[in-house]
PDB file of N, CA and C in Angstrom:
ATOM      1  N   MET A   1       0.834  -1.217  -0.040  1.00  0.00           N
ATOM      2  CA  MET A   1      -0.040   0.056  -0.026  1.00  0.00           C
ATOM      3  C   MET A   1       0.900   1.174  -0.029  1.00  0.00           C
ATOM      4  N   LYS A   2       1.906   1.229   0.771  1.00  0.00           N
ATOM      5  CA  LYS A   2       2.822   2.401   0.979  1.00  0.00           C
ATOM      6  C   LYS A   2       3.425   2.600  -0.457  1.00  0.00           C
ATOM      7  N   ASN A   3       3.949   1.561  -0.998  1.00  0.00           N
ATOM      8  CA  ASN A   3       4.598   1.694  -2.334  1.00  0.00           C
ATOM      9  C   ASN A   3       3.581   2.330  -3.316  1.00  0.00           C
ATOM     10  N   ARG A   4       2.462   1.852  -3.362  1.00  0.00           N
ATOM     11  CA  ARG A   4       1.519   2.490  -4.339  1.00  0.00           C
ATOM     12  C   ARG A   4       1.282   3.952  -4.109  1.00  0.00           C
ATOM     13  N   ILE A   5       1.180   4.427  -2.889  1.00  0.00           N
ATOM     14  CA  ILE A   5       1.137   5.900  -2.556  1.00  0.00           C
ATOM     15  C   ILE A   5       2.360   6.547  -2.827  1.00  0.00           C
ATOM     16  N   ILE A   6       3.603   6.029  -2.752  1.00  0.00           N
ATOM     17  CA  ILE A   6       4.750   6.651  -3.035  1.00  0.00           C
ATOM     18  C   ILE A   6       4.932   6.791  -4.666  1.00  0.00           C
ATOM     19  N   THR A   7       4.445   5.701  -5.248  1.00  0.00           N
ATOM     20  CA  THR A   7       4.475   5.853  -6.683  1.00  0.00           C
ATOM     21  C   THR A   7       3.571   6.754  -7.276  1.00  0.00           C
ATOM     22  N   ILE A   8       2.405   7.087  -6.816  1.00  0.00           N
ATOM     23  CA  ILE A   8       1.506   7.948  -7.118  1.00  0.00           C
ATOM     24  C   ILE A   8       2.120   9.425  -6.935  1.00  0.00           C
ATOM     25  N   LEU A   9       2.636   9.626  -5.736  1.00  0.00           N
ATOM     26  CA  LEU A   9       3.268  10.855  -5.459  1.00  0.00           C
ATOM     27  C   LEU A   9       4.388  11.190  -6.518  1.00  0.00           C
ATOM     28  N   LEU A  10       5.190  10.233  -6.629  1.00  0.00           N
ATOM     29  CA  LEU A  10       6.372  10.503  -7.580  1.00  0.00           C
ATOM     30  C   LEU A  10       5.933  10.761  -8.969  1.00  0.00           C
ATOM     31  N   LEU A  11       4.870  10.149  -9.388  1.00  0.00           N
ATOM     32  CA  LEU A  11       4.442  10.447 -10.845  1.00  0.00           C
ATOM     33  C   LEU A  11       3.783  11.829 -10.818  1.00  0.00           C
ATOM     34  N   PHE A  12       3.197  12.201  -9.819  1.00  0.00           N
ATOM     35  CA  PHE A  12       2.535  13.473  -9.596  1.00  0.00           C
ATOM     36  C   PHE A  12       3.599  14.469  -9.816  1.00  0.00           C
ATOM     37  N   CYS A  13       4.883  14.322  -9.020  1.00  0.00           N
ATOM     38  CA  CYS A  13       6.027  15.307  -8.986  1.00  0.00           C
ATOM     39  C   CYS A  13       6.585  15.332 -10.285  1.00  0.00           C
ATOM     40  N   CYS A  14       6.745  14.259 -10.866  1.00  0.00           N
ATOM     41  CA  CYS A  14       7.316  14.235 -12.447  1.00  0.00           C
ATOM     42  C   CYS A  14       6.492  15.095 -13.325  1.00  0.00           C
ATOM     43  N   LEU A  15       5.190  14.826 -13.181  1.00  0.00           N
ATOM     44  CA  LEU A  15       4.280  15.521 -14.123  1.00  0.00           C
ATOM     45  C   LEU A  15       4.346  16.969 -13.811  1.00  0.00           C
ATOM     46  N   LEU A  16       4.548  17.454 -12.557  1.00  0.00           N
ATOM     47  CA  LEU A  16       4.648  18.938 -12.430  1.00  0.00           C
ATOM     48  C   LEU A  16       5.962  19.381 -12.860  1.00  0.00           C
ATOM     49  N   ALA A  17       7.029  18.630 -12.732  1.00  0.00           N
ATOM     50  CA  ALA A  17       8.349  19.051 -13.076  1.00  0.00           C
ATOM     51  C   ALA A  17       8.551  19.149 -14.548  1.00  0.00           C
ATOM     52  N   THR A  18       7.865  18.265 -15.334  1.00  0.00           N
ATOM     53  CA  THR A  18       7.912  18.375 -16.807  1.00  0.00           C
ATOM     54  C   THR A  18       6.821  19.295 -17.500  1.00  0.00           C
ATOM     55  N   THR A  19       5.983  19.900 -16.713  1.00  0.00           N
ATOM     56  CA  THR A  19       4.912  20.824 -17.347  1.00  0.00           C
ATOM     57  C   THR A  19       5.746  22.082 -17.808  1.00  0.00           C
ATOM     58  N   PRO A  20       5.569  22.365 -19.123  1.00  0.00           N
ATOM     59  CA  PRO A  20       6.242  23.646 -19.638  1.00  0.00           C
ATOM     60  C   PRO A  20       5.714  24.895 -18.991  1.00  0.00           C
ATOM     61  N   ILE A  21       6.586  25.853 -18.728  1.00  0.00           N
ATOM     62  CA  ILE A  21       6.083  27.164 -18.067  1.00  0.00           C
ATOM     63  C   ILE A  21       6.180  28.166 -19.222  1.00  0.00           C
ATOM     64  N   SER A  22       5.161  28.856 -19.412  1.00  0.00           N
ATOM     65  CA  SER A  22       5.135  29.884 -20.439  1.00  0.00           C
ATOM     66  C   SER A  22       5.850  31.121 -19.852  1.00  0.00           C
ATOM     67  N   ALA A  23       6.756  31.597 -20.708  1.00  0.00           N
ATOM     68  CA  ALA A  23       7.691  32.852 -20.398  1.00  0.00           C
ATOM     69  C   ALA A  23       6.875  34.052 -20.289  1.00  0.00           C
ATOM     70  N   LYS A  24       5.652  34.171 -20.825  1.00  0.00           N
ATOM     71  CA  LYS A  24       4.834  35.309 -20.908  1.00  0.00           C
ATOM     72  C   LYS A  24       3.986  35.510 -19.545  1.00  0.00           C
ATOM     73  N   LYS A  25       3.717  34.444 -18.765  1.00  0.00           N
ATOM     74  CA  LYS A  25       2.811  34.429 -17.611  1.00  0.00           C
ATOM     75  C   LYS A  25       3.863  34.320 -16.421  1.00  0.00           C
ATOM     76  N   TRP A  26       3.526  35.199 -15.384  1.00  0.00           N
ATOM     77  CA  TRP A  26       4.144  35.028 -14.075  1.00  0.00           C
ATOM     78  C   TRP A  26       3.767  33.812 -13.353  1.00  0.00           C
ATOM     79  N   ARG A  27       4.530  33.161 -12.768  1.00  0.00           N
ATOM     80  CA  ARG A  27       4.338  32.078 -11.940  1.00  0.00           C
ATOM     81  C   ARG A  27       5.055  32.141 -10.607  1.00  0.00           C
ATOM     82  N   ALA A  28       4.424  31.640  -9.630  1.00  0.00           N
ATOM     83  CA  ALA A  28       5.054  31.601  -8.305  1.00  0.00           C
ATOM     84  C   ALA A  28       6.268  30.684  -8.400  1.00  0.00           C
ATOM     85  N   LYS A  29       7.341  30.991  -7.723  1.00  0.00           N
ATOM     86  CA  LYS A  29       8.488  30.018  -7.649  1.00  0.00           C
ATOM     87  C   LYS A  29       8.347  29.109  -6.502  1.00  0.00           C
ATOM     88  N   HIS A  30       7.510  29.396  -5.591  1.00  0.00           N
ATOM     89  CA  HIS A  30       7.327  28.429  -4.411  1.00  0.00           C
ATOM     90  C   HIS A  30       5.844  28.483  -3.954  1.00  0.00           C
ATOM     91  N   THR A  31       5.353  27.491  -3.437  1.00  0.00           N
ATOM     92  CA  THR A  31       3.986  27.249  -2.982  1.00  0.00           C
ATOM     93  C   THR A  31       4.122  26.769  -1.620  1.00  0.00           C
ATOM     94  N   VAL A  32       3.219  27.392  -0.719  1.00  0.00           N
ATOM     95  CA  VAL A  32       3.246  26.935   0.655  1.00  0.00           C
ATOM     96  C   VAL A  32       1.775  26.639   1.007  1.00  0.00           C
ATOM     97  N   LEU A  33       1.666  25.468   1.506  1.00  0.00           N
ATOM     98  CA  LEU A  33       0.345  24.931   1.842  1.00  0.00           C
ATOM     99  C   LEU A  33       0.107  25.008   3.370  1.00  0.00           C
ATOM    100  N   ILE A  34      -0.897  25.729   3.716  1.00  0.00           N
ATOM    101  CA  ILE A  34      -1.032  25.897   5.192  1.00  0.00           C
ATOM    102  C   ILE A  34      -2.498  25.306   5.409  1.00  0.00           C
ATOM    103  N   ALA A  35      -2.657  24.090   6.139  1.00  0.00           N
ATOM    104  CA  ALA A  35      -3.949  23.619   6.383  1.00  0.00           C
ATOM    105  C   ALA A  35      -4.092  23.315   7.834  1.00  0.00           C
ATOM    106  N   LEU A  36      -5.092  23.512   8.407  1.00  0.00           N
ATOM    107  CA  LEU A  36      -5.436  23.309   9.799  1.00  0.00           C
ATOM    108  C   LEU A  36      -6.434  22.235  10.159  1.00  0.00           C
ATOM    109  N   ASP A  37      -5.940  21.187  10.589  1.00  0.00           N
ATOM    110  CA  ASP A  37      -6.819  20.001  10.741  1.00  0.00           C
ATOM    111  C   ASP A  37      -7.908  20.124  11.902  1.00  0.00           C
ATOM    112  N   GLY A  38      -9.072  19.970  11.546  1.00  0.00           N
ATOM    113  CA  GLY A  38     -10.078  19.984  12.518  1.00  0.00           C
ATOM    114  C   GLY A  38     -10.741  21.378  12.739  1.00  0.00           C
ATOM    115  N   TRP A  39     -10.342  22.305  11.932  1.00  0.00           N
ATOM    116  CA  TRP A  39     -10.869  23.793  12.154  1.00  0.00           C
ATOM    117  C   TRP A  39     -11.946  24.077  11.162  1.00  0.00           C
ATOM    118  N   GLY A  40     -13.048  24.296  11.653  1.00  0.00           N
ATOM    119  CA  GLY A  40     -14.163  24.291  10.620  1.00  0.00           C
ATOM    120  C   GLY A  40     -14.153  25.702  10.085  1.00  0.00           C
ATOM    121  N   ALA A  41     -14.410  25.822   8.833  1.00  0.00           N
ATOM    122  CA  ALA A  41     -14.456  27.160   7.879  1.00  0.00           C
ATOM    123  C   ALA A  41     -15.532  28.014   8.544  1.00  0.00           C
ATOM    124  N   TYR A  42     -16.564  27.761   9.086  1.00  0.00           N
ATOM    125  CA  TYR A  42     -17.590  28.537   9.598  1.00  0.00           C
ATOM    126  C   TYR A  42     -16.921  29.422  10.794  1.00  0.00           C
ATOM    127  N   SER A  43     -15.868  29.170  11.226  1.00  0.00           N
ATOM    128  CA  SER A  43     -15.291  29.998  12.539  1.00  0.00           C
ATOM    129  C   SER A  43     -14.337  30.973  11.859  1.00  0.00           C
ATOM    130  N   VAL A  44     -14.019  30.992  10.669  1.00  0.00           N
ATOM    131  CA  VAL A  44     -12.976  31.953  10.221  1.00  0.00           C
ATOM    132  C   VAL A  44     -13.430  33.343  10.383  1.00  0.00           C
ATOM    133  N   SER A  45     -14.574  33.638   9.839  1.00  0.00           N
ATOM    134  CA  SER A  45     -15.175  34.968  10.024  1.00  0.00           C
ATOM    135  C   SER A  45     -15.395  35.485  11.408  1.00  0.00           C
ATOM    136  N   LYS A  46     -15.643  34.489  12.459  1.00  0.00           N
ATOM    137  CA  LYS A  46     -15.795  34.811  13.856  1.00  0.00           C
ATOM    138  C   LYS A  46     -14.542  35.116  14.530  1.00  0.00           C
ATOM    139  N   GLY A  47     -13.449  34.549  14.060  1.00  0.00           N
ATOM    140  CA  GLY A  47     -12.158  34.418  14.915  1.00  0.00           C
ATOM    141  C   GLY A  47     -11.392  35.734  14.741  1.00  0.00           C
ATOM    142  N   ASN A  48     -10.549  36.121  15.890  1.00  0.00           N
ATOM    143  CA  ASN A  48      -9.743  37.151  15.906  1.00  0.00           C
ATOM    144  C   ASN A  48      -8.233  36.505  15.407  1.00  0.00           C
ATOM    145  N   ILE A  49      -8.040  36.427  14.206  1.00  0.00           N
ATOM    146  CA  ILE A  49      -6.921  35.811  13.610  1.00  0.00           C
ATOM    147  C   ILE A  49      -6.290  36.754  12.568  1.00  0.00           C
ATOM    148  N   PRO A  50      -5.807  37.785  12.871  1.00  0.00           N
ATOM    149  CA  PRO A  50      -5.342  38.910  11.996  1.00  0.00           C
ATOM    150  C   PRO A  50      -4.191  38.298  10.973  1.00  0.00           C
ATOM    151  N   HIS A  51      -3.281  37.380  11.465  1.00  0.00           N
ATOM    152  CA  HIS A  51      -2.207  36.899  10.675  1.00  0.00           C
ATOM    153  C   HIS A  51      -2.696  35.934   9.519  1.00  0.00           C
ATOM    154  N   ILE A  52      -3.571  35.078  10.080  1.00  0.00           N
ATOM    155  CA  ILE A  52      -4.108  34.185   9.076  1.00  0.00           C
ATOM    156  C   ILE A  52      -4.963  34.908   8.043  1.00  0.00           C
ATOM    157  N   LYS A  53      -5.741  35.841   8.434  1.00  0.00           N
ATOM    158  CA  LYS A  53      -6.599  36.590   7.413  1.00  0.00           C
ATOM    159  C   LYS A  53      -5.639  37.415   6.549  1.00  0.00           C
ATOM    160  N   ASN A  54      -4.534  37.992   7.025  1.00  0.00           N
ATOM    161  CA  ASN A  54      -3.529  38.694   6.228  1.00  0.00           C
ATOM    162  C   ASN A  54      -3.055  37.645   5.107  1.00  0.00           C
ATOM    163  N   LEU A  55      -2.635  36.419   5.409  1.00  0.00           N
ATOM    164  CA  LEU A  55      -2.264  35.407   4.592  1.00  0.00           C
ATOM    165  C   LEU A  55      -3.239  35.098   3.468  1.00  0.00           C
ATOM    166  N   MET A  56      -4.540  35.090   3.963  1.00  0.00           N
ATOM    167  CA  MET A  56      -5.732  34.756   2.940  1.00  0.00           C
ATOM    168  C   MET A  56      -5.791  35.856   1.979  1.00  0.00           C
ATOM    169  N   GLU A  57      -5.709  37.029   2.486  1.00  0.00           N
ATOM    170  CA  GLU A  57      -5.790  38.297   1.583  1.00  0.00           C
ATOM    171  C   GLU A  57      -4.740  38.255   0.480  1.00  0.00           C
ATOM    172  N   GLN A  58      -3.597  37.939   0.824  1.00  0.00           N
ATOM    173  CA  GLN A  58      -2.320  37.981   0.021  1.00  0.00           C
ATOM    174  C   GLN A  58      -2.226  36.705  -0.858  1.00  0.00           C
ATOM    175  N   GLY A  59      -2.965  35.652  -0.592  1.00  0.00           N
ATOM    176  CA  GLY A  59      -2.649  34.384  -1.286  1.00  0.00           C
ATOM    177  C   GLY A  59      -3.954  33.876  -1.839  1.00  0.00           C
ATOM    178  N   SER A  60      -4.041  32.628  -1.878  1.00  0.00           N
ATOM    179  CA  SER A  60      -5.269  31.870  -2.566  1.00  0.00           C
ATOM    180  C   SER A  60      -5.727  31.039  -1.492  1.00  0.00           C
ATOM    181  N   TYR A  61      -6.973  30.877  -1.369  1.00  0.00           N
ATOM    182  CA  TYR A  61      -7.637  30.064  -0.263  1.00  0.00           C
ATOM    183  C   TYR A  61      -8.975  29.516  -0.680  1.00  0.00           C
ATOM    184  N   THR A  62      -9.505  28.582   0.095  1.00  0.00           N
ATOM    185  CA  THR A  62     -10.944  28.185  -0.130  1.00  0.00           C
ATOM    186  C   THR A  62     -11.485  27.957   1.254  1.00  0.00           C
ATOM    187  N   LEU A  63     -12.690  28.322   1.355  1.00  0.00           N
ATOM    188  CA  LEU A  63     -13.356  27.821   2.575  1.00  0.00           C
ATOM    189  C   LEU A  63     -14.552  26.849   2.315  1.00  0.00           C
ATOM    190  N   HIS A  64     -14.599  26.484   0.867  1.00  0.00           N
ATOM    191  CA  HIS A  64     -15.593  25.586   0.496  1.00  0.00           C
ATOM    192  C   HIS A  64     -14.981  24.270   0.091  1.00  0.00           C
ATOM    193  N   LYS A  65     -14.619  23.358   1.070  1.00  0.00           N
ATOM    194  CA  LYS A  65     -14.128  22.084   0.748  1.00  0.00           C
ATOM    195  C   LYS A  65     -15.030  21.071   1.265  1.00  0.00           C
ATOM    196  N   ARG A  66     -14.690  20.010   0.862  1.00  0.00           N
ATOM    197  CA  ARG A  66     -15.465  18.740   1.296  1.00  0.00           C
ATOM    198  C   ARG A  66     -14.494  17.539   1.777  1.00  0.00           C
ATOM    199  N   CYS A  67     -15.079  16.867   2.617  1.00  0.00           N
ATOM    200  CA  CYS A  67     -14.125  15.648   3.163  1.00  0.00           C
ATOM    201  C   CYS A  67     -14.530  14.437   2.363  1.00  0.00           C
ATOM    202  N   VAL A  68     -13.614  13.402   2.374  1.00  0.00           N
ATOM    203  CA  VAL A  68     -13.893  12.161   1.905  1.00  0.00           C
ATOM    204  C   VAL A  68     -14.216  11.234   3.033  1.00  0.00           C
ATOM    205  N   PHE A  69     -14.899  10.199   2.564  1.00  0.00           N
ATOM    206  CA  PHE A  69     -15.316   9.148   3.611  1.00  0.00           C
ATOM    207  C   PHE A  69     -14.566   7.915   3.486  1.00  0.00           C
ATOM    208  N   PRO A  70     -14.240   7.319   4.497  1.00  0.00           N
ATOM    209  CA  PRO A  70     -14.447   7.540   5.831  1.00  0.00           C
ATOM    210  C   PRO A  70     -13.665   8.851   6.322  1.00  0.00           C
ATOM    211  N   SER A  71     -14.357   9.752   7.073  1.00  0.00           N
ATOM    212  CA  SER A  71     -13.895  11.047   7.557  1.00  0.00           C
ATOM    213  C   SER A  71     -12.860  10.887   8.586  1.00  0.00           C
ATOM    214  N   ALA A  72     -11.554  10.745   8.286  1.00  0.00           N
ATOM    215  CA  ALA A  72     -10.557  10.789   9.276  1.00  0.00           C
ATOM    216  C   ALA A  72      -9.404  11.401   8.658  1.00  0.00           C
ATOM    217  N   SER A  73      -8.592  12.185   9.558  1.00  0.00           N
ATOM    218  CA  SER A  73      -7.661  12.984   9.277  1.00  0.00           C
ATOM    219  C   SER A  73      -6.673  12.410   8.140  1.00  0.00           C
ATOM    220  N   ALA A  74      -5.974  11.295   8.449  1.00  0.00           N
ATOM    221  CA  ALA A  74      -5.001  10.846   7.503  1.00  0.00           C
ATOM    222  C   ALA A  74      -5.612  10.454   6.043  1.00  0.00           C
ATOM    223  N   ILE A  75      -6.845  10.116   6.087  1.00  0.00           N
ATOM    224  CA  ILE A  75      -7.492   9.745   4.788  1.00  0.00           C
ATOM    225  C   ILE A  75      -7.756  11.137   4.102  1.00  0.00           C
ATOM    226  N   ASN A  76      -8.142  12.132   4.744  1.00  0.00           N
ATOM    227  CA  ASN A  76      -8.455  13.336   4.043  1.00  0.00           C
ATOM    228  C   ASN A  76      -7.331  14.047   3.630  1.00  0.00           C
ATOM    229  N   TRP A  77      -6.171  13.776   4.429  1.00  0.00           N
ATOM    230  CA  TRP A  77      -4.903  14.477   4.016  1.00  0.00           C
ATOM    231  C   TRP A  77      -4.291  13.810   2.779  1.00  0.00           C
ATOM    232  N   ALA A  78      -4.329  12.624   2.731  1.00  0.00           N
ATOM    233  CA  ALA A  78      -4.025  11.804   1.607  1.00  0.00           C
ATOM    234  C   ALA A  78      -4.779  12.204   0.332  1.00  0.00           C
ATOM    235  N   SER A  79      -5.950  12.431   0.444  1.00  0.00           N
ATOM    236  CA  SER A  79      -6.988  12.979  -0.731  1.00  0.00           C
ATOM    237  C   SER A  79      -6.618  14.236  -1.009  1.00  0.00           C
ATOM    238  N   MET A  80      -6.324  15.159  -0.263  1.00  0.00           N
ATOM    239  CA  MET A  80      -5.960  16.476  -0.408  1.00  0.00           C
ATOM    240  C   MET A  80      -4.611  16.723  -1.140  1.00  0.00           C
ATOM    241  N   PHE A  81      -3.607  15.872  -0.756  1.00  0.00           N
ATOM    242  CA  PHE A  81      -2.283  15.888  -1.323  1.00  0.00           C
ATOM    243  C   PHE A  81      -2.232  15.211  -2.759  1.00  0.00           C
ATOM    244  N   MET A  82      -3.102  14.271  -2.868  1.00  0.00           N
ATOM    245  CA  MET A  82      -3.011  13.445  -4.224  1.00  0.00           C
ATOM    246  C   MET A  82      -4.095  14.025  -5.199  1.00  0.00           C
ATOM    247  N   GLY A  83      -5.048  14.838  -4.571  1.00  0.00           N
ATOM    248  CA  GLY A  83      -6.036  15.362  -5.514  1.00  0.00           C
ATOM    249  C   GLY A  83      -7.082  14.320  -5.886  1.00  0.00           C
ATOM    250  N   VAL A  84      -7.199  13.274  -5.319  1.00  0.00           N
ATOM    251  CA  VAL A  84      -8.239  12.204  -5.714  1.00  0.00           C
ATOM    252  C   VAL A  84      -8.904  11.704  -4.577  1.00  0.00           C
ATOM    253  N   GLY A  85     -10.032  10.857  -4.737  1.00  0.00           N
ATOM    254  CA  GLY A  85     -10.651  10.229  -3.442  1.00  0.00           C
ATOM    255  C   GLY A  85     -10.146   8.845  -3.121  1.00  0.00           C
ATOM    256  N   THR A  86     -10.639   8.468  -2.226  1.00  0.00           N
ATOM    257  CA  THR A  86     -10.203   6.969  -1.699  1.00  0.00           C
ATOM    258  C   THR A  86     -10.326   5.913  -2.689  1.00  0.00           C
ATOM    259  N   GLU A  87     -11.302   6.153  -3.680  1.00  0.00           N
ATOM    260  CA  GLU A  87     -11.458   4.906  -4.576  1.00  0.00           C
ATOM    261  C   GLU A  87     -10.287   5.032  -5.536  1.00  0.00           C
ATOM    262  N   LEU A  88      -9.610   6.020  -5.576  1.00  0.00           N
ATOM    263  CA  LEU A  88      -8.291   6.027  -6.654  1.00  0.00           C
ATOM    264  C   LEU A  88      -7.004   5.779  -5.840  1.00  0.00           C
ATOM    265  N   HIS A  89      -6.893   6.509  -4.679  1.00  0.00           N
ATOM    266  CA  HIS A  89      -5.618   6.246  -3.832  1.00  0.00           C
ATOM    267  C   HIS A  89      -5.628   5.170  -3.022  1.00  0.00           C
ATOM    268  N   GLY A  90      -6.780   4.681  -2.621  1.00  0.00           N
ATOM    269  CA  GLY A  90      -6.899   3.248  -1.807  1.00  0.00           C
ATOM    270  C   GLY A  90      -6.555   3.373  -0.449  1.00  0.00           C
ATOM    271  N   TYR A  91      -6.140   4.621   0.092  1.00  0.00           N
ATOM    272  CA  TYR A  91      -5.842   4.711   1.554  1.00  0.00           C
ATOM    273  C   TYR A  91      -7.086   4.969   2.349  1.00  0.00           C
ATOM    274  N   THR A  92      -7.601   3.868   3.155  1.00  0.00           N
ATOM    275  CA  THR A  92      -8.818   4.061   3.914  1.00  0.00           C
ATOM    276  C   THR A  92      -8.716   3.714   5.421  1.00  0.00           C
ATOM    277  N   LYS A  93      -7.436   3.853   6.003  1.00  0.00           N
ATOM    278  CA  LYS A  93      -7.298   3.366   7.360  1.00  0.00           C
ATOM    279  C   LYS A  93      -6.681   4.370   8.119  1.00  0.00           C
TER     280      LYS A  93
END
């Protein structure tokens, strides 16, 4: 199972590395993913979180996400990083 996940991640990285970058369009040199486990999107507007809100204003974010089932942290992280559901990556425990 671990070999299958590693293979999928390596293929994804190779795909990203070989994607041609247009010289005419600006692209970020780095991407940082900040994800907070177990924090409901409904509370963002209510919270006193100036630093996180500043990062949201300057970057790209979504508050409209959905989980995969079974809804457990490791399974949802795997789906988020791989961009597919459990039926494709097979990680369910």
